[in-house]
Amino acid sequence: MSKIELMQKFMNTFTGKNIHLTIKENNSTFNVHTIEIIQKTDDTCPVKEIPVGDHFLHLIATNQYGNDASILCNWTEELLQNLLSAYKEAKDAEFSHITMCRDTLSDDPNRWLLLWGKDLSEPAIGDEYVSAGNAG
């Protein structure tokens, strides 16, 4: 499956379904509610690490204070596949959310941990699963 196909599957999987995606970054929590795929058309694009013509994700999320945030993501195919696998595992276990947080034990700033649980609060011990993937 190509990266654009993974992005489309990710977008279709995580919008309008019963499993919510949360991103934890430093002391902030972002609950994703909108996912778009955007193509870089010229060098004015803020995503500098991809060439013109490639695609990236634009997430719109609400933080813990109720403010919307715009998040641009150049995630790897590995991370997208891990998120899709996490979705299936969480759904099969009847969990309702997946939380992404940076792997603080790694020197790689693009390495994420994926946890899933039953509600949007902290996952309970025993109600979580950890997977890892790189954002790219």
C-alpha atoms as a PDB file:
ATOM      1  CA  MET A   1       0.000   0.000   0.000  1.00  0.00           C
ATOM      2  CA  SER A   2       1.422   3.417  -0.948  1.00  0.00           C
ATOM      3  CA  LYS A   3       1.832   6.231   1.564  1.00  0.00           C
ATOM      4  CA  ILE A   4      -1.070   8.212   0.056  1.00  0.00           C
ATOM      5  CA  GLU A   5      -3.277   5.103   0.313  1.00  0.00           C
ATOM      6  CA  LEU A   6      -2.251   4.693   3.969  1.00  0.00           C
ATOM      7  CA  MET A   7      -3.061   8.370   4.584  1.00  0.00           C
ATOM      8  CA  GLN A   8      -6.506   7.953   2.995  1.00  0.00           C
ATOM      9  CA  LYS A   9      -7.198   4.822   5.014  1.00  0.00           C
ATOM     10  CA  PHE A  10      -6.012   6.579   8.205  1.00  0.00           C
ATOM     11  CA  MET A  11      -8.229   9.606   7.460  1.00  0.00           C
ATOM     12  CA  ASN A  12     -11.277   7.445   6.732  1.00  0.00           C
ATOM     13  CA  THR A  13     -10.646   5.248   9.781  1.00  0.00           C
ATOM     14  CA  PHE A  14     -10.191   8.004  12.349  1.00  0.00           C
ATOM     15  CA  THR A  15     -13.004  10.355  11.302  1.00  0.00           C
ATOM     16  CA  GLY A  16     -16.592   9.671  12.261  1.00  0.00           C
ATOM     17  CA  LYS A  17     -15.860   6.384  13.993  1.00  0.00           C
ATOM     18  CA  ASN A  18     -16.255   5.455  17.645  1.00  0.00           C
ATOM     19  CA  ILE A  19     -12.532   5.510  18.462  1.00  0.00           C
ATOM     20  CA  HIS A  20     -10.957   8.880  19.239  1.00  0.00           C
ATOM     21  CA  LEU A  21      -7.340   9.885  18.589  1.00  0.00           C
ATOM     22  CA  THR A  22      -5.557  11.966  21.234  1.00  0.00           C
ATOM     23  CA  ILE A  23      -2.071  13.436  20.900  1.00  0.00           C
ATOM     24  CA  LYS A  24      -0.135  14.285  24.056  1.00  0.00           C
ATOM     25  CA  GLU A  25       2.704  16.726  23.579  1.00  0.00           C
ATOM     26  CA  ASN A  26       4.576  18.144  26.583  1.00  0.00           C
ATOM     27  CA  ASN A  27       1.803  19.306  28.947  1.00  0.00           C
ATOM     28  CA  SER A  28      -0.886  19.584  26.269  1.00  0.00           C
ATOM     29  CA  THR A  29      -3.525  17.131  25.109  1.00  0.00           C
ATOM     30  CA  PHE A  30      -5.110  17.400  21.660  1.00  0.00           C
ATOM     31  CA  ASN A  31      -8.268  15.492  20.693  1.00  0.00           C
ATOM     32  CA  VAL A  32      -8.269  15.127  16.905  1.00  0.00           C
ATOM     33  CA  HIS A  33     -11.609  15.792  15.198  1.00  0.00           C
ATOM     34  CA  THR A  34     -10.658  16.578  11.579  1.00  0.00           C
ATOM     35  CA  ILE A  35      -8.087  14.980   9.270  1.00  0.00           C
ATOM     36  CA  GLU A  36      -7.166  16.265   5.809  1.00  0.00           C
ATOM     37  CA  ILE A  37      -4.610  15.182   3.243  1.00  0.00           C
ATOM     38  CA  ILE A  38      -2.813  18.128   1.654  1.00  0.00           C
ATOM     39  CA  GLN A  39      -0.455  18.169  -1.301  1.00  0.00           C
ATOM     40  CA  LYS A  40       2.589  20.430  -1.156  1.00  0.00           C
ATOM     41  CA  THR A  41       2.280  22.659  -4.221  1.00  0.00           C
ATOM     42  CA  ASP A  42       5.254  24.994  -3.760  1.00  0.00           C
ATOM     43  CA  ASP A  43       8.094  25.951  -1.431  1.00  0.00           C
ATOM     44  CA  THR A  44       5.963  28.336   0.648  1.00  0.00           C
ATOM     45  CA  CYS A  45       4.481  25.295   2.422  1.00  0.00           C
ATOM     46  CA  PRO A  46       5.493  25.128   6.103  1.00  0.00           C
ATOM     47  CA  VAL A  47       6.333  21.405   5.792  1.00  0.00           C
ATOM     48  CA  LYS A  48       9.895  21.818   4.503  1.00  0.00           C
ATOM     49  CA  GLU A  49      11.106  18.201   4.715  1.00  0.00           C
ATOM     50  CA  ILE A  50       8.948  16.906   1.852  1.00  0.00           C
ATOM     51  CA  PRO A  51       9.349  17.722  -1.839  1.00  0.00           C
ATOM     52  CA  VAL A  52       6.788  19.656  -3.884  1.00  0.00           C
ATOM     53  CA  GLY A  53       4.114  17.210  -5.054  1.00  0.00           C
ATOM     54  CA  ASP A  54       4.216  14.985  -1.961  1.00  0.00           C
ATOM     55  CA  HIS A  55       1.381  14.817   0.580  1.00  0.00           C
ATOM     56  CA  PHE A  56       1.127  15.411   4.321  1.00  0.00           C
ATOM     57  CA  LEU A  57      -1.621  15.319   6.941  1.00  0.00           C
ATOM     58  CA  HIS A  58      -3.371  18.317   8.455  1.00  0.00           C
ATOM     59  CA  LEU A  59      -5.048  17.501  11.756  1.00  0.00           C
ATOM     60  CA  ILE A  60      -7.419  19.830  13.554  1.00  0.00           C
ATOM     61  CA  ALA A  61      -7.714  19.073  17.242  1.00  0.00           C
ATOM     62  CA  THR A  62      -9.125  20.620  20.396  1.00  0.00           C
ATOM     63  CA  ASN A  63      -6.796  21.059  23.360  1.00  0.00           C
ATOM     64  CA  GLN A  64      -7.693  20.612  27.028  1.00  0.00           C
ATOM     65  CA  TYR A  65      -8.766  24.287  27.196  1.00  0.00           C
ATOM     66  CA  GLY A  66     -11.232  23.989  24.311  1.00  0.00           C
ATOM     67  CA  ASN A  67      -9.036  25.791  21.770  1.00  0.00           C
ATOM     68  CA  ASP A  68      -8.560  24.418  18.263  1.00  0.00           C
ATOM     69  CA  ALA A  69      -5.053  23.579  17.086  1.00  0.00           C
ATOM     70  CA  SER A  70      -3.827  22.990  13.552  1.00  0.00           C
ATOM     71  CA  ILE A  71      -1.201  20.229  13.354  1.00  0.00           C
ATOM     72  CA  LEU A  72       0.801  19.472  10.196  1.00  0.00           C
ATOM     73  CA  CYS A  73       2.159  15.907  10.091  1.00  0.00           C
ATOM     74  CA  ASN A  74       4.662  14.216   7.832  1.00  0.00           C
ATOM     75  CA  TRP A  75       4.215  10.797   9.401  1.00  0.00           C
ATOM     76  CA  THR A  76       6.020   7.739   8.065  1.00  0.00           C
ATOM     77  CA  GLU A  77       4.279   4.796   6.500  1.00  0.00           C
ATOM     78  CA  GLU A  78       5.341   2.778   9.563  1.00  0.00           C
ATOM     79  CA  LEU A  79       3.532   5.113  11.973  1.00  0.00           C
ATOM     80  CA  LEU A  80       0.409   5.237   9.799  1.00  0.00           C
ATOM     81  CA  GLN A  81       0.368   1.425   9.623  1.00  0.00           C
ATOM     82  CA  ASN A  82       0.890   1.194  13.406  1.00  0.00           C
ATOM     83  CA  LEU A  83      -2.025   3.590  13.961  1.00  0.00           C
ATOM     84  CA  LEU A  84      -4.251   1.490  11.696  1.00  0.00           C
ATOM     85  CA  SER A  85      -3.204  -1.682  13.522  1.00  0.00           C
ATOM     86  CA  ALA A  86      -3.802   0.034  16.880  1.00  0.00           C
ATOM     87  CA  TYR A  87      -7.276   1.017  15.679  1.00  0.00           C
ATOM     88  CA  LYS A  88      -8.130  -2.599  14.895  1.00  0.00           C
ATOM     89  CA  GLU A  89      -6.743  -3.840  18.235  1.00  0.00           C
ATOM     90  CA  ALA A  90      -8.552  -1.110  20.186  1.00  0.00           C
ATOM     91  CA  LYS A  91     -11.822  -1.738  18.359  1.00  0.00           C
ATOM     92  CA  ASP A  92     -11.561  -5.509  18.902  1.00  0.00           C
ATOM     93  CA  ALA A  93     -10.961  -4.879  22.633  1.00  0.00           C
ATOM     94  CA  GLU A  94     -13.932  -2.455  22.720  1.00  0.00           C
ATOM     95  CA  PHE A  95     -11.689   0.472  23.688  1.00  0.00           C
ATOM     96  CA  SER A  96     -12.770   3.968  22.709  1.00  0.00           C
ATOM     97  CA  HIS A  97      -9.566   5.957  22.299  1.00  0.00           C
ATOM     98  CA  ILE A  98      -5.964   5.828  21.150  1.00  0.00           C
ATOM     99  CA  THR A  99      -3.401   8.181  22.656  1.00  0.00           C
ATOM    100  CA  MET A 100      -0.137   9.095  20.940  1.00  0.00           C
ATOM    101  CA  CYS A 101       2.737  10.370  23.079  1.00  0.00           C
ATOM    102  CA  ARG A 102       6.419  10.890  22.373  1.00  0.00           C
ATOM    103  CA  ASP A 103       8.750   8.104  23.440  1.00  0.00           C
ATOM    104  CA  THR A 104      10.817   9.905  26.081  1.00  0.00           C
ATOM    105  CA  LEU A 105      13.245   6.965  26.316  1.00  0.00           C
ATOM    106  CA  SER A 106      14.298   7.436  22.702  1.00  0.00           C
ATOM    107  CA  ASP A 107      16.677  10.050  21.330  1.00  0.00           C
ATOM    108  CA  ASP A 108      14.529  10.131  18.193  1.00  0.00           C
ATOM    109  CA  PRO A 109      12.060  13.065  18.482  1.00  0.00           C
ATOM    110  CA  ASN A 110       9.867  11.383  15.853  1.00  0.00           C
ATOM    111  CA  ARG A 111       9.308   8.177  17.833  1.00  0.00           C
ATOM    112  CA  TRP A 112       5.789   7.813  19.268  1.00  0.00           C
ATOM    113  CA  LEU A 113       4.133   5.436  21.710  1.00  0.00           C
ATOM    114  CA  LEU A 114       0.544   4.398  21.035  1.00  0.00           C
ATOM    115  CA  LEU A 115      -1.708   3.575  23.982  1.00  0.00           C
ATOM    116  CA  TRP A 116      -5.355   2.671  23.952  1.00  0.00           C
ATOM    117  CA  GLY A 117      -7.994   2.495  26.623  1.00  0.00           C
ATOM    118  CA  LYS A 118     -11.689   2.808  27.434  1.00  0.00           C
ATOM    119  CA  ASP A 119     -12.110   6.575  27.742  1.00  0.00           C
ATOM    120  CA  LEU A 120     -10.375   9.837  26.913  1.00  0.00           C
ATOM    121  CA  SER A 121      -8.716  10.103  30.316  1.00  0.00           C
ATOM    122  CA  GLU A 122      -5.467   8.353  31.227  1.00  0.00           C
ATOM    123  CA  PRO A 123      -5.547   4.686  30.212  1.00  0.00           C
ATOM    124  CA  ALA A 124      -5.977   2.407  33.212  1.00  0.00           C
ATOM    125  CA  ILE A 125      -3.272  -0.130  33.974  1.00  0.00           C
ATOM    126  CA  GLY A 126      -4.232  -3.312  32.215  1.00  0.00           C
ATOM    127  CA  ASP A 127      -6.387  -1.405  29.717  1.00  0.00           C
ATOM    128  CA  GLU A 128      -3.554  -0.240  27.538  1.00  0.00           C
ATOM    129  CA  TYR A 129      -1.316  -1.500  24.832  1.00  0.00           C
ATOM    130  CA  VAL A 130       1.882   0.125  23.674  1.00  0.00           C
ATOM    131  CA  SER A 131       3.114   0.196  20.117  1.00  0.00           C
ATOM    132  CA  ALA A 132       5.831   2.351  18.613  1.00  0.00           C
ATOM    133  CA  GLY A 133       6.259   4.133  15.314  1.00  0.00           C
ATOM    134  CA  ASN A 134       8.221   6.945  13.755  1.00  0.00           C
ATOM    135  CA  ALA A 135       6.687  10.201  12.594  1.00  0.00           C
ATOM    136  CA  GLY A 136       9.332  10.748   9.935  1.00  0.00           C
END
